[in-house]
Protein backbone atom coordinates (compact mmCIF):
# COMPACT_ATOMS: atom_id res chain seq x y z
CA UNK A 1 0.00 0.00 0.00
CA UNK A 2 1.57 3.31 -1.08
CA UNK A 3 -0.15 5.20 1.72
CA UNK A 4 0.78 3.86 5.13
CA UNK A 5 -1.89 5.47 7.28
CA UNK A 6 -1.12 6.25 10.92
CA UNK A 7 -3.00 4.29 13.58
CA UNK A 8 -3.85 6.73 16.35
CA UNK A 9 -4.67 6.00 19.98
CA UNK A 10 -7.55 8.34 20.94
CA UNK A 11 -6.46 8.04 24.56
CA UNK A 12 -2.77 8.71 24.05
CA UNK A 13 -1.18 10.38 27.12
CA UNK A 14 -0.13 13.42 25.04
CA UNK A 15 -3.85 14.11 24.47
CA UNK A 16 -5.50 12.87 27.67
CA UNK A 17 -3.80 15.44 29.87
CA UNK A 18 -6.01 18.05 28.14
CA UNK A 19 -9.24 16.03 28.38
CA UNK A 20 -11.87 16.79 31.00
CA UNK A 21 -15.45 15.63 31.46
CA UNK A 22 -18.21 17.99 30.41
CA UNK A 23 -21.80 17.77 31.56
CA UNK A 24 -24.97 18.39 29.57
CA UNK A 25 -25.23 22.17 29.03
CA UNK A 26 -27.56 24.00 31.31
CA UNK A 27 -29.50 26.54 29.29
CA UNK A 28 -31.43 28.49 31.92
CA UNK A 29 -35.02 29.61 31.58
CA UNK A 30 -38.48 28.22 31.08
CA UNK A 31 -40.04 27.10 27.79
CA UNK A 32 -43.57 28.47 27.46
CA UNK A 33 -44.54 27.33 23.98
CA UNK A 34 -44.21 24.27 21.76
CA UNK A 35 -44.54 23.95 17.99
CA UNK A 36 -46.40 20.77 16.98
CA UNK A 37 -47.38 20.14 13.35
CA UNK A 38 -47.24 23.86 12.62
CA UNK A 39 -49.43 24.80 15.63
CA UNK A 40 -48.09 26.91 18.48
CA UNK A 41 -49.20 25.35 21.72
CA UNK A 42 -49.12 27.26 25.00
CA UNK A 43 -51.38 27.17 28.02
CA UNK A 44 -49.37 28.48 30.94
CA UNK A 45 -51.43 30.47 33.47
CA UNK A 46 -48.56 32.93 33.65
CA UNK A 47 -49.12 34.05 30.01
CA UNK A 48 -51.28 37.14 29.51
CA UNK A 49 -50.91 37.41 25.71
CA UNK A 50 -48.57 36.52 22.86
CA UNK A 51 -47.44 37.97 19.54
CA UNK A 52 -45.06 36.73 16.88
CA UNK A 53 -42.82 38.19 14.17
CA UNK A 54 -41.62 36.33 11.09
CA UNK A 55 -37.89 36.21 10.36
CA UNK A 56 -36.98 36.32 6.65
CA UNK A 57 -33.78 36.55 4.67
CA UNK A 58 -32.43 39.98 3.71
CA UNK A 59 -29.33 38.85 1.86
CA UNK A 60 -26.95 36.48 3.60
CA UNK A 61 -25.87 38.83 6.38
CA UNK A 62 -29.12 40.40 7.61
CA UNK A 63 -32.76 39.57 8.31
CA UNK A 64 -36.13 41.27 7.99
CA UNK A 65 -39.04 41.11 10.43
CA UNK A 66 -42.76 41.35 9.93
CA UNK A 67 -44.84 43.53 12.22
CA UNK A 68 -45.98 41.88 15.46
CA UNK A 69 -48.99 39.62 14.94
CA UNK A 70 -51.24 38.43 17.81
CA UNK A 71 -51.16 34.66 18.22
CA UNK A 72 -53.56 32.44 20.15
CA UNK A 73 -53.05 28.98 21.66
CA UNK A 74 -52.97 26.18 19.04
CA UNK A 75 -52.91 28.67 16.17
CA UNK A 76 -51.36 27.41 12.94
CA UNK A 77 -48.35 29.43 11.77
CA UNK A 78 -47.30 29.02 8.16
CA UNK A 79 -43.90 30.69 8.34
CA UNK A 80 -40.52 28.95 8.38
CA UNK A 81 -38.80 31.08 11.01
CA UNK A 82 -40.42 33.26 13.68
CA UNK A 83 -40.01 34.58 17.19
CA UNK A 84 -42.76 34.74 19.82
CA UNK A 85 -43.03 37.38 22.55
CA UNK A 86 -45.01 36.29 25.59
CA UNK A 87 -46.42 38.95 27.90
CA UNK A 88 -46.40 37.45 31.39
CA UNK A 89 -47.88 38.39 34.73
CA UNK A 90 -46.21 41.24 36.65
CA UNK A 91 -45.08 42.92 33.39
CA UNK A 92 -42.52 40.22 32.69
CA UNK A 93 -41.78 39.08 29.14
CA UNK A 94 -40.25 36.04 27.45
CA UNK A 95 -39.04 35.53 23.89
CA UNK A 96 -38.84 32.19 22.09
CA UNK A 97 -37.63 31.14 18.64
CA UNK A 98 -39.03 28.54 16.25
CA UNK A 99 -38.11 27.02 12.92
CA UNK A 100 -39.98 24.52 10.77
CA UNK A 101 -40.33 23.25 7.21
CA UNK A 102 -43.52 24.58 5.63
CA UNK A 103 -45.09 22.30 2.97
CA UNK A 104 -45.12 24.71 0.05
CA UNK A 105 -45.95 23.69 -3.52
CA UNK A 106 -42.36 23.80 -4.77
CA UNK A 107 -41.36 21.36 -2.03
CA UNK A 108 -44.31 19.02 -2.35
CA UNK A 109 -44.15 18.75 -6.14
CA UNK A 110 -40.62 19.22 -7.51
CA UNK A 111 -40.23 19.04 -11.28
CA UNK A 112 -37.32 16.67 -12.04
CA UNK A 113 -35.75 16.60 -15.49
CA UNK A 114 -33.98 13.28 -14.80
CA UNK A 115 -34.34 10.28 -12.49
CA UNK A 116 -31.56 9.32 -10.08
CA UNK A 117 -30.02 5.89 -10.52
CA UNK A 118 -30.02 5.17 -6.76
CA UNK A 119 -32.97 7.21 -5.39
CA UNK A 120 -32.03 7.58 -1.73
CA UNK A 121 -32.49 10.57 0.52
CA UNK A 122 -29.11 11.92 1.62
CA UNK A 123 -28.86 13.25 5.18
CA UNK A 124 -25.51 14.65 6.26
CA UNK A 125 -24.84 15.61 9.88
CA UNK A 126 -21.49 17.34 10.30
CA UNK A 127 -19.66 18.49 13.42
CA UNK A 128 -16.92 21.10 13.23
CA UNK A 129 -13.40 20.03 14.31
CA UNK A 130 -14.36 16.39 14.91
CA UNK A 131 -11.54 13.98 14.12
CA UNK A 132 -11.98 10.22 13.90
CA UNK A 133 -10.04 9.80 17.13
CA UNK A 134 -11.92 12.70 18.72
CA UNK A 135 -15.27 11.03 18.00
CA UNK A 136 -14.11 7.87 19.80
CA UNK A 137 -12.88 9.97 22.69
CA UNK A 138 -15.66 12.55 23.21
CA UNK A 139 -18.73 11.09 21.43
CA UNK A 140 -18.40 7.41 22.39
CA UNK A 141 -22.17 6.80 22.47
CA UNK A 142 -22.53 8.20 18.95
CA UNK A 143 -19.59 6.15 17.68
CA UNK A 144 -20.93 2.98 19.27
CA UNK A 145 -24.44 3.58 17.88
CA UNK A 146 -23.08 4.08 14.37
CA UNK A 147 -20.91 0.98 14.67
CA UNK A 148 -23.25 -1.42 16.48
CA UNK A 149 -26.81 -0.25 15.80
CA UNK A 150 -26.52 1.23 12.30
CA UNK A 151 -23.73 -0.98 10.90
CA UNK A 152 -22.14 2.14 9.44
CA UNK A 153 -19.15 2.13 7.13
CA UNK A 154 -16.49 3.97 9.16
CA UNK A 155 -13.63 5.23 7.01
CA UNK A 156 -10.22 4.84 8.68
CA UNK A 157 -8.22 6.74 6.05
CA UNK A 158 -10.38 9.75 5.24
CA UNK A 159 -8.09 12.77 4.89
CA UNK A 160 -8.58 16.54 4.70
CA UNK A 161 -7.91 18.46 1.50
CA UNK A 162 -6.73 21.76 3.00
CA UNK A 163 -6.92 24.14 5.95
CA UNK A 164 -10.22 24.76 7.70
CA UNK A 165 -13.83 23.93 6.93
CA UNK A 166 -14.08 25.74 3.59
CA UNK A 167 -11.28 23.65 2.10
CA UNK A 168 -13.20 20.47 3.00
CA UNK A 169 -16.76 21.43 2.08
CA UNK A 170 -15.79 23.02 -1.25
CA UNK A 171 -14.52 19.70 -2.68
CA UNK A 172 -17.37 17.79 -1.06
CA UNK A 173 -20.14 20.04 -2.43
CA UNK A 174 -18.60 21.24 -5.71
CA UNK A 175 -16.06 18.60 -6.78
CA UNK A 176 -13.44 21.30 -7.28
CA UNK A 177 -10.52 22.64 -5.32
CA UNK A 178 -11.10 26.01 -3.72
CA UNK A 179 -8.45 27.42 -6.07
CA UNK A 180 -10.37 26.13 -9.09
CA UNK A 181 -13.48 28.16 -8.34
CA UNK A 182 -13.74 31.82 -9.37
CA UNK A 183 -12.73 34.40 -6.77
CA UNK A 184 -15.21 34.72 -3.91
CA UNK A 185 -13.01 35.94 -1.05
CA UNK A 186 -13.71 39.18 0.76
CA UNK A 187 -10.98 41.74 0.10
CA UNK A 188 -9.95 40.39 -3.31
CA UNK A 189 -10.41 42.08 -6.65
CA UNK A 190 -13.29 40.91 -8.84
CA UNK A 191 -14.67 38.75 -6.03
CA UNK A 192 -18.35 37.95 -6.28
CA UNK A 193 -20.92 35.84 -4.49
CA UNK A 194 -20.74 32.08 -4.84
CA UNK A 195 -24.02 31.43 -6.68
CA UNK A 196 -22.29 30.17 -9.83
CA UNK A 197 -19.83 27.78 -8.23
CA UNK A 198 -20.30 24.17 -9.36
CA UNK A 199 -22.64 23.18 -6.52
CA UNK A 200 -23.90 19.60 -6.42
CA UNK A 201 -27.25 21.05 -5.33
CA UNK A 202 -27.95 22.08 -8.92
CA UNK A 203 -27.57 18.57 -10.30
CA UNK A 204 -29.54 17.12 -7.39
CA UNK A 205 -32.43 19.46 -8.15
CA UNK A 206 -32.41 18.35 -11.79
CA UNK A 207 -32.93 14.82 -10.47
CA UNK A 208 -35.90 15.79 -8.31
CA UNK A 209 -34.22 16.36 -4.93
CA UNK A 210 -35.35 18.94 -2.40
CA UNK A 211 -32.07 20.47 -1.21
CA UNK A 212 -31.28 21.91 2.20
CA UNK A 213 -28.36 23.40 4.12
CA UNK A 214 -28.32 24.48 7.76
CA UNK A 215 -25.51 25.68 10.03
CA UNK A 216 -25.80 27.03 13.54
CA UNK A 217 -22.53 28.93 14.05
CA UNK A 218 -22.91 31.36 11.19
CA UNK A 219 -20.17 33.73 12.33
CA UNK A 220 -17.76 30.96 11.29
CA UNK A 221 -19.76 29.84 8.26
CA UNK A 222 -17.51 28.11 5.70
CA UNK A 223 -18.93 30.16 2.82
CA UNK A 224 -19.36 33.44 4.71
CA UNK A 225 -16.51 33.83 7.24
CA UNK A 226 -13.96 34.82 4.58
CA UNK A 227 -16.21 34.57 1.52
CA UNK A 228 -19.04 36.66 0.12
CA UNK A 229 -21.87 34.19 0.59
CA UNK A 230 -24.77 34.02 -1.85
CA UNK A 231 -26.99 36.51 -3.62
CA UNK A 232 -29.82 33.97 -3.83
CA UNK A 233 -30.22 31.25 -1.25
CA UNK A 234 -28.37 28.18 -2.54
CA UNK A 235 -30.84 25.49 -1.47
CA UNK A 236 -34.61 25.06 -1.14
CA UNK A 237 -34.32 24.88 2.65
CA UNK A 238 -31.88 27.35 4.16
CA UNK A 239 -31.89 28.19 7.86
CA UNK A 240 -29.37 31.03 7.77
CA UNK A 241 -31.97 33.75 8.55
CA UNK A 242 -32.99 31.90 11.72
CA UNK A 243 -29.43 31.51 13.01
CA UNK A 244 -28.53 35.05 11.95
CA UNK A 245 -31.32 36.22 14.26
CA UNK A 246 -30.06 33.83 16.96
CA UNK A 247 -26.60 35.38 16.68
CA UNK A 248 -28.08 38.88 17.10
CA UNK A 249 -30.11 37.82 20.12
CA UNK A 250 -27.23 35.94 21.74
CA UNK A 251 -24.80 38.85 21.88
CA UNK A 252 -23.44 38.79 25.42
CA UNK A 253 -25.12 35.44 26.17
CA UNK A 254 -23.70 31.89 26.11
CA UNK A 255 -23.73 31.05 22.41
CA UNK A 256 -24.21 27.31 22.86
CA UNK A 257 -27.72 28.09 24.07
CA UNK A 258 -30.62 29.92 22.53
CA UNK A 259 -32.82 30.77 25.49
CA UNK A 260 -33.34 27.53 27.40
CA UNK A 261 -32.34 25.14 24.59
CA UNK A 262 -28.99 23.82 23.45
CA UNK A 263 -28.36 25.45 20.04
CA UNK A 264 -27.82 21.97 18.56
CA UNK A 265 -31.42 21.05 19.37
CA UNK A 266 -32.68 23.62 16.87
CA UNK A 267 -30.53 21.97 14.20
CA UNK A 268 -31.81 18.53 15.10
CA UNK A 269 -35.43 19.73 15.30
CA UNK A 270 -35.07 21.16 11.80
CA UNK A 271 -33.96 17.72 10.55
CA UNK A 272 -37.03 16.20 12.21
CA UNK A 273 -39.24 18.76 10.49
CA UNK A 274 -37.67 17.98 7.09
CA UNK A 275 -38.52 14.29 7.35
CA UNK A 276 -41.94 14.79 8.94
CA UNK A 277 -43.10 17.42 6.45
CA UNK A 278 -41.63 15.85 3.29
CA UNK A 279 -41.90 12.09 3.89
CA UNK A 280 -42.23 11.06 0.24
CA UNK A 281 -40.00 13.63 -1.46
CA UNK A 282 -36.36 12.92 -2.29
CA UNK A 283 -34.22 15.04 0.02
CA UNK A 284 -30.59 16.10 0.23
CA UNK A 285 -30.09 17.86 3.58
CA UNK A 286 -26.81 18.93 5.16
CA UNK A 287 -26.85 20.01 8.82
CA UNK A 288 -23.51 21.40 9.99
CA UNK A 289 -23.02 21.90 13.72
CA UNK A 290 -20.30 24.50 14.14
CA UNK A 291 -20.72 25.86 17.65
CA UNK A 292 -19.75 22.94 19.84
CA UNK A 293 -16.73 21.60 17.99
CA UNK A 294 -15.29 25.05 17.35
CA UNK A 295 -15.01 25.81 21.07
CA UNK A 296 -12.35 23.25 21.97
CA UNK A 297 -11.57 19.62 22.57
CA UNK A 298 -14.04 19.08 25.44
CA UNK A 299 -17.10 21.12 24.43
CA UNK A 300 -18.25 18.84 21.59
CA UNK A 301 -19.39 16.28 24.18
CA UNK A 302 -22.21 18.64 25.16
CA UNK A 303 -24.21 17.78 22.06
CA UNK A 304 -23.94 14.00 22.46
CA UNK A 305 -27.29 13.27 24.17
CA UNK A 306 -29.32 15.39 21.77
CA UNK A 307 -27.43 13.88 18.83
CA UNK A 308 -27.96 10.32 20.08
CA UNK A 309 -31.66 10.97 20.64
CA UNK A 310 -31.98 12.16 17.03
CA UNK A 311 -30.19 9.09 15.62
CA UNK A 312 -32.33 6.76 17.69
CA UNK A 313 -35.47 8.54 16.51
CA UNK A 314 -34.68 8.56 12.80
CA UNK A 315 -33.90 4.85 13.05
CA UNK A 316 -37.04 3.94 15.02
CA UNK A 317 -39.31 5.96 12.69
CA UNK A 318 -37.94 4.16 9.64
CA UNK A 319 -36.38 7.22 8.01
CA UNK A 320 -33.18 5.28 7.37
CA UNK A 321 -35.02 2.70 5.26
CA UNK A 322 -34.65 5.01 2.24
CA UNK A 323 -31.83 7.30 3.34
CA UNK A 324 -28.06 7.45 3.11
CA UNK A 325 -26.91 8.89 6.44
CA UNK A 326 -23.48 10.52 6.58
CA UNK A 327 -22.08 11.48 9.99
CA UNK A 328 -18.82 13.38 9.68
CA UNK A 329 -16.36 15.91 10.97
CA UNK A 330 -14.67 18.36 8.65
CA UNK A 331 -11.19 18.16 10.19
CA UNK A 332 -9.71 17.67 13.65
CA UNK A 333 -8.85 20.44 16.09
CA UNK A 334 -6.89 23.21 14.41
CA UNK A 335 -5.84 25.29 17.43
CA UNK A 336 -4.68 24.93 21.00
CA UNK A 337 -2.25 22.84 23.04
CA UNK A 338 -3.51 19.53 21.65
CA UNK A 339 -2.89 20.71 18.09
CA UNK A 340 0.73 21.58 18.95
CA UNK A 341 1.46 17.89 19.58
CA UNK A 342 2.32 15.34 16.88
CA UNK A 343 -0.83 13.38 17.72
CA UNK A 344 -2.92 16.55 17.37
CA UNK A 345 -1.31 17.31 14.03
CA UNK A 346 -2.33 13.89 12.71
CA UNK A 347 -5.82 14.09 14.19
CA UNK A 348 -6.41 17.37 12.35
CA UNK A 349 -5.76 15.56 9.08
CA UNK A 350 -8.06 12.57 9.79
CA UNK A 351 -11.67 13.66 10.34
CA UNK A 352 -14.56 11.37 11.19
CA UNK A 353 -16.35 10.12 8.08
CA UNK A 354 -19.10 7.46 8.14
CA UNK A 355 -21.82 6.27 5.76
CA UNK A 356 -24.94 4.30 6.71
CA UNK A 357 -27.05 2.78 3.92
CA UNK A 358 -30.52 1.23 4.30
CA UNK A 359 -30.56 -2.40 5.54
CA UNK A 360 -31.69 -3.69 2.13
CA UNK A 361 -28.88 -1.97 0.23
CA UNK A 362 -26.36 -4.77 0.83
CA UNK A 363 -28.49 -7.49 -0.77
CA UNK A 364 -29.58 -5.35 -3.72
CA UNK A 365 -26.13 -3.94 -4.48
CA UNK A 366 -23.57 -6.51 -3.25
CA UNK A 367 -20.77 -5.22 -5.49
CA UNK A 368 -21.23 -1.63 -4.30
CA UNK A 369 -21.25 -2.62 -0.64
CA UNK A 370 -18.15 -4.78 -1.12
CA UNK A 371 -16.39 -1.69 -2.48
CA UNK A 372 -17.60 0.40 0.46
CA UNK A 373 -16.23 -2.13 2.93
CA UNK A 374 -12.87 -2.24 1.17
CA UNK A 375 -12.68 1.53 0.96
CA UNK A 376 -12.99 1.97 4.72
CA UNK A 377 -9.34 0.89 4.84
CA UNK A 378 -8.17 2.92 1.84
CA UNK A 379 -7.04 6.51 1.39
CA UNK A 380 -10.11 8.70 0.68
CA UNK A 381 -10.90 12.41 0.52
CA UNK A 382 -13.79 14.84 0.17
CA UNK A 383 -13.52 14.70 -3.61
CA UNK A 384 -14.59 11.07 -3.37
CA UNK A 385 -17.72 12.04 -1.44
CA UNK A 386 -18.74 14.42 -4.22
CA UNK A 387 -18.01 11.71 -6.79
CA UNK A 388 -20.25 9.34 -4.82
CA UNK A 389 -23.17 11.77 -4.92
CA UNK A 390 -22.72 12.09 -8.66
CA UNK A 391 -22.49 8.29 -9.04
CA UNK A 392 -25.78 7.83 -7.18
CA UNK A 393 -27.42 10.13 -9.72
CA UNK A 394 -25.88 8.54 -12.84
CA UNK A 395 -25.93 4.88 -11.72
CA UNK A 396 -25.37 2.37 -13.27
CA UNK A 397 -23.13 4.65 -15.33
CA UNK A 398 -20.10 6.24 -13.72
CA UNK A 399 -20.24 10.02 -13.39
CA UNK A 400 -18.68 11.95 -16.24
CA UNK A 401 -16.47 15.06 -16.22
CA UNK A 402 -15.04 14.56 -12.71
CA UNK A 403 -11.89 16.65 -12.22
CA UNK A 404 -10.99 14.86 -8.98
CA UNK A 405 -12.03 11.94 -6.88
CA UNK A 406 -13.57 8.52 -7.35
CA UNK A 407 -16.94 7.21 -6.20
CA UNK A 408 -16.78 5.32 -2.92
CA UNK A 409 -19.19 2.84 -4.52
CA UNK A 410 -16.24 1.67 -6.62
CA UNK A 411 -13.05 0.17 -5.21
CA UNK A 412 -10.34 2.72 -4.46
CA UNK A 413 -6.91 1.42 -5.60
CA UNK A 414 -4.73 -0.17 -2.94
CA UNK A 415 -1.77 1.77 -4.31
CA UNK A 416 -3.46 5.19 -4.19
CA UNK A 417 -1.27 8.13 -3.20
CA UNK A 418 -2.19 11.51 -1.73
CA UNK A 419 -1.43 13.13 -5.06
CA UNK A 420 -3.85 10.77 -6.81
CA UNK A 421 -6.49 11.58 -4.18
CA UNK A 422 -5.92 15.36 -4.70
CA UNK A 423 -4.64 15.74 -1.14
CA UNK A 424 -1.89 18.41 -0.91
CA UNK A 425 1.49 17.39 0.51
CA UNK A 426 1.09 19.57 3.59
CA UNK A 427 -2.02 17.65 4.62
CA UNK A 428 -0.95 14.15 3.60
CA UNK A 429 -0.65 11.78 6.60
CA UNK A 430 0.93 9.01 4.52
CA UNK A 431 4.47 10.29 4.63
CA UNK A 432 7.23 8.68 6.63
CA UNK A 433 8.56 11.22 9.10
CA UNK A 434 12.07 11.50 10.44
CA UNK A 435 13.05 13.99 13.12
CA UNK A 436 15.59 16.64 12.13
CA UNK A 437 17.53 18.87 14.50
CA UNK A 438 16.11 22.39 14.72
CA UNK A 439 19.74 23.54 14.56
CA UNK A 440 20.12 22.29 11.00
CA UNK A 441 20.70 25.14 8.55
CA UNK A 442 17.96 23.86 6.24
CA UNK A 443 15.44 24.11 9.06
CA UNK A 444 16.34 27.64 10.10
CA UNK A 445 16.35 28.78 6.49
CA UNK A 446 12.98 27.09 5.92
CA UNK A 447 11.53 28.96 8.91
CA UNK A 448 13.00 32.28 7.75
CA UNK A 449 11.61 31.72 4.25
CA UNK A 450 8.15 31.09 5.71
CA UNK A 451 8.26 34.20 7.90
CA UNK A 452 9.27 36.22 4.85
CA UNK A 453 6.37 34.70 2.91
CA UNK A 454 3.92 35.66 5.70
CA UNK A 455 5.28 39.22 5.84
CA UNK A 456 4.89 39.51 2.07
CA UNK A 457 1.25 38.47 2.38
CA UNK A 458 0.68 41.17 5.00
CA UNK A 459 2.40 43.71 2.73
CA UNK A 460 0.30 43.02 -0.38
CA UNK A 461 -2.42 45.58 0.40
CA UNK A 462 -1.76 49.22 1.27
CA UNK A 463 -4.04 49.07 4.30
CA UNK A 464 -2.64 45.86 5.75
CA UNK A 465 0.91 47.08 5.08
CA UNK A 466 0.45 49.92 7.56
CA UNK A 467 -1.70 48.06 10.09
CA UNK A 468 0.15 44.73 10.49
CA UNK A 469 3.36 44.21 12.44
CA UNK A 470 6.40 42.84 10.64
CA UNK A 471 6.98 39.39 12.10
CA UNK A 472 10.33 37.90 13.04
CA UNK A 473 11.36 34.34 13.85
CA UNK A 474 11.52 33.64 17.58
CA UNK A 475 12.21 29.89 17.69
CA UNK A 476 11.72 26.62 15.83
CA UNK A 477 9.90 24.15 18.06
CA UNK A 478 10.37 21.00 16.00
CA UNK A 479 11.20 19.90 12.48
CA UNK A 480 10.77 16.74 10.49
CA UNK A 481 11.83 15.41 7.13
CA UNK A 482 8.81 14.16 5.23
CA UNK A 483 9.34 11.54 2.58
CA UNK A 484 6.83 9.34 0.77
CA UNK A 485 6.92 5.59 1.03
CA UNK A 486 9.62 3.98 -1.15
CA UNK A 487 7.00 2.78 -3.62
CA UNK A 488 6.16 6.40 -4.39
CA UNK A 489 9.55 8.05 -4.83
CA UNK A 490 11.99 5.14 -4.41
CA UNK A 491 13.56 6.93 -1.47
CA UNK A 492 16.70 5.07 -0.40
CA UNK A 493 17.81 6.30 3.02
CA UNK A 494 18.52 9.26 5.28
CA UNK A 495 21.67 9.79 7.31
CA UNK A 496 22.12 12.47 9.94
CA UNK A 497 24.05 12.95 13.16
CA UNK A 498 21.02 14.52 14.93
CA UNK A 499 22.62 17.98 14.85
CA UNK A 500 23.84 19.48 11.64
CA UNK A 501 24.96 16.85 9.16
CA UNK A 502 22.09 15.74 6.99
CA UNK A 503 22.11 13.79 3.75
CA UNK A 504 19.19 12.47 1.67
CA UNK A 505 19.85 9.74 -0.87
CA UNK A 506 17.28 9.02 -3.59
CA UNK A 507 17.38 6.27 -6.19
CA UNK A 508 15.94 8.44 -8.93
CA UNK A 509 15.88 11.91 -10.39
CA UNK A 510 14.06 13.31 -7.33
CA UNK A 511 17.38 13.51 -5.44
CA UNK A 512 17.38 17.28 -5.57
CA UNK A 513 14.25 17.52 -3.39
CA UNK A 514 13.93 17.52 0.39
CA UNK A 515 10.64 18.31 2.05
CA UNK A 516 10.39 19.52 5.63
CA UNK A 517 7.57 20.20 8.00
CA UNK A 518 8.35 22.52 10.85
CA UNK A 519 6.62 24.27 13.70
CA UNK A 520 7.91 27.68 14.77
CA UNK A 521 7.01 30.76 16.81
CA UNK A 522 7.05 34.38 15.61
CA UNK A 523 7.39 37.68 17.43
CA UNK A 524 5.81 39.98 18.47
CA UNK A 525 2.54 38.01 18.26
CA UNK A 526 3.74 34.72 19.81
CA UNK A 527 2.01 32.89 16.97
CA UNK A 528 2.72 29.19 16.49
CA UNK A 529 2.78 28.23 12.82
CA UNK A 530 3.26 24.97 10.99
CA UNK A 531 4.56 24.97 7.44
CA UNK A 532 5.76 22.63 4.75
CA UNK A 533 8.85 23.79 2.85
CA UNK A 534 10.61 22.10 -0.05
CA UNK A 535 14.29 22.51 -0.77
CA UNK A 536 14.52 22.35 -4.56
CA UNK A 537 17.71 22.99 -6.50
CA UNK A 538 19.14 25.20 -3.79
CA UNK A 539 15.93 27.17 -3.09
CA UNK A 540 13.46 27.00 -0.22
CA UNK A 541 9.89 26.88 -1.59
CA UNK A 542 7.09 27.53 0.92
CA UNK A 543 3.84 25.60 0.58
CA UNK A 544 0.97 28.09 0.72
CA UNK A 545 -1.01 25.91 3.16
CA UNK A 546 0.46 27.38 6.35
CA UNK A 547 -1.35 26.40 9.55
CA UNK A 548 -1.62 28.56 12.64
CA UNK A 549 -2.03 26.19 15.56
CA UNK A 550 -2.65 28.57 18.45
CA UNK A 551 -5.64 30.91 18.55
CA UNK A 552 -5.30 34.45 17.29
CA UNK A 553 -8.38 35.82 19.09
CA UNK A 554 -8.87 39.54 18.48
CA UNK A 555 -5.26 40.06 17.41
CA UNK A 556 -6.12 40.87 13.74
CA UNK A 557 -9.12 43.12 14.53
CA UNK A 558 -7.81 45.95 12.34
CA UNK A 559 -8.01 43.94 9.09
CA UNK A 560 -10.55 41.22 10.00
CA UNK A 561 -13.45 42.56 7.95
CA UNK A 562 -11.47 43.87 4.95
CA UNK A 563 -8.92 41.05 4.59
CA UNK A 564 -10.23 38.02 6.50
CA UNK A 565 -7.72 35.74 4.75
CA UNK A 566 -4.94 37.49 6.71
CA UNK A 567 -6.43 36.88 10.17
CA UNK A 568 -4.00 34.14 11.12
CA UNK A 569 -1.02 36.20 9.95
CA UNK A 570 -1.68 39.82 10.95
CA UNK A 571 -0.86 41.23 14.37
CA UNK A 572 -2.26 44.77 14.49
CA UNK A 573 0.29 47.47 15.29
CA UNK A 574 -2.26 49.34 17.43
CA UNK A 575 -3.32 47.05 20.29
Foldseek 3Di string as FASTA:
>chain_A
DQFDFDDDALCDPLPVVVADADDADFQDDDDAWDADPQFIAGDDPFFPFKWKWAWADDFLQAIDIDPTGTDDHRDGDQGAKMKMWTQGPPRDIDIDIAGFDHDDPCQQDADAQAAFQQQFAEEEEEEAQAFPSLCVVQQVVVVCCCVPVQVWLWAFAEFFFFDDQLQAVCCQFALDGPVPFPAFFFQDPPHDADQPGRGPQVVVSNNFAQEEEAEQPVCVDSCVVGGDYHRDDNGNYYCSSNNSVQVVVQVVHPSCDRRRHGSVLNLLVHVVNVCVSHVPGRYYYYYYYYPQQQPDSHRVSNCNVVVSVSVVVCVVVVVQQRYKYKYKYNFHAQADSLCVDPSNVSRRTGIIIIIGHHPCCCVVQVLLVVLSNQNSHANAYSSQNNQQVQCSRVPPDRHPDRPAHHHSSHHDDRSDDCVNRSRDPVGRSRWDKDWAACQAPVNVVLVQVVLVVLLVVQCPDPQSVQWFDRKDFDGWDTKIWTDTDCVVFVWDDWDDPRHYDTATDHPDPCRQKIKMWTWTAIPDQRWIKIWIWMRGPNDIHTDPRIGTHHDNPCQPVSCCNNRVVSSSRGGTPPD
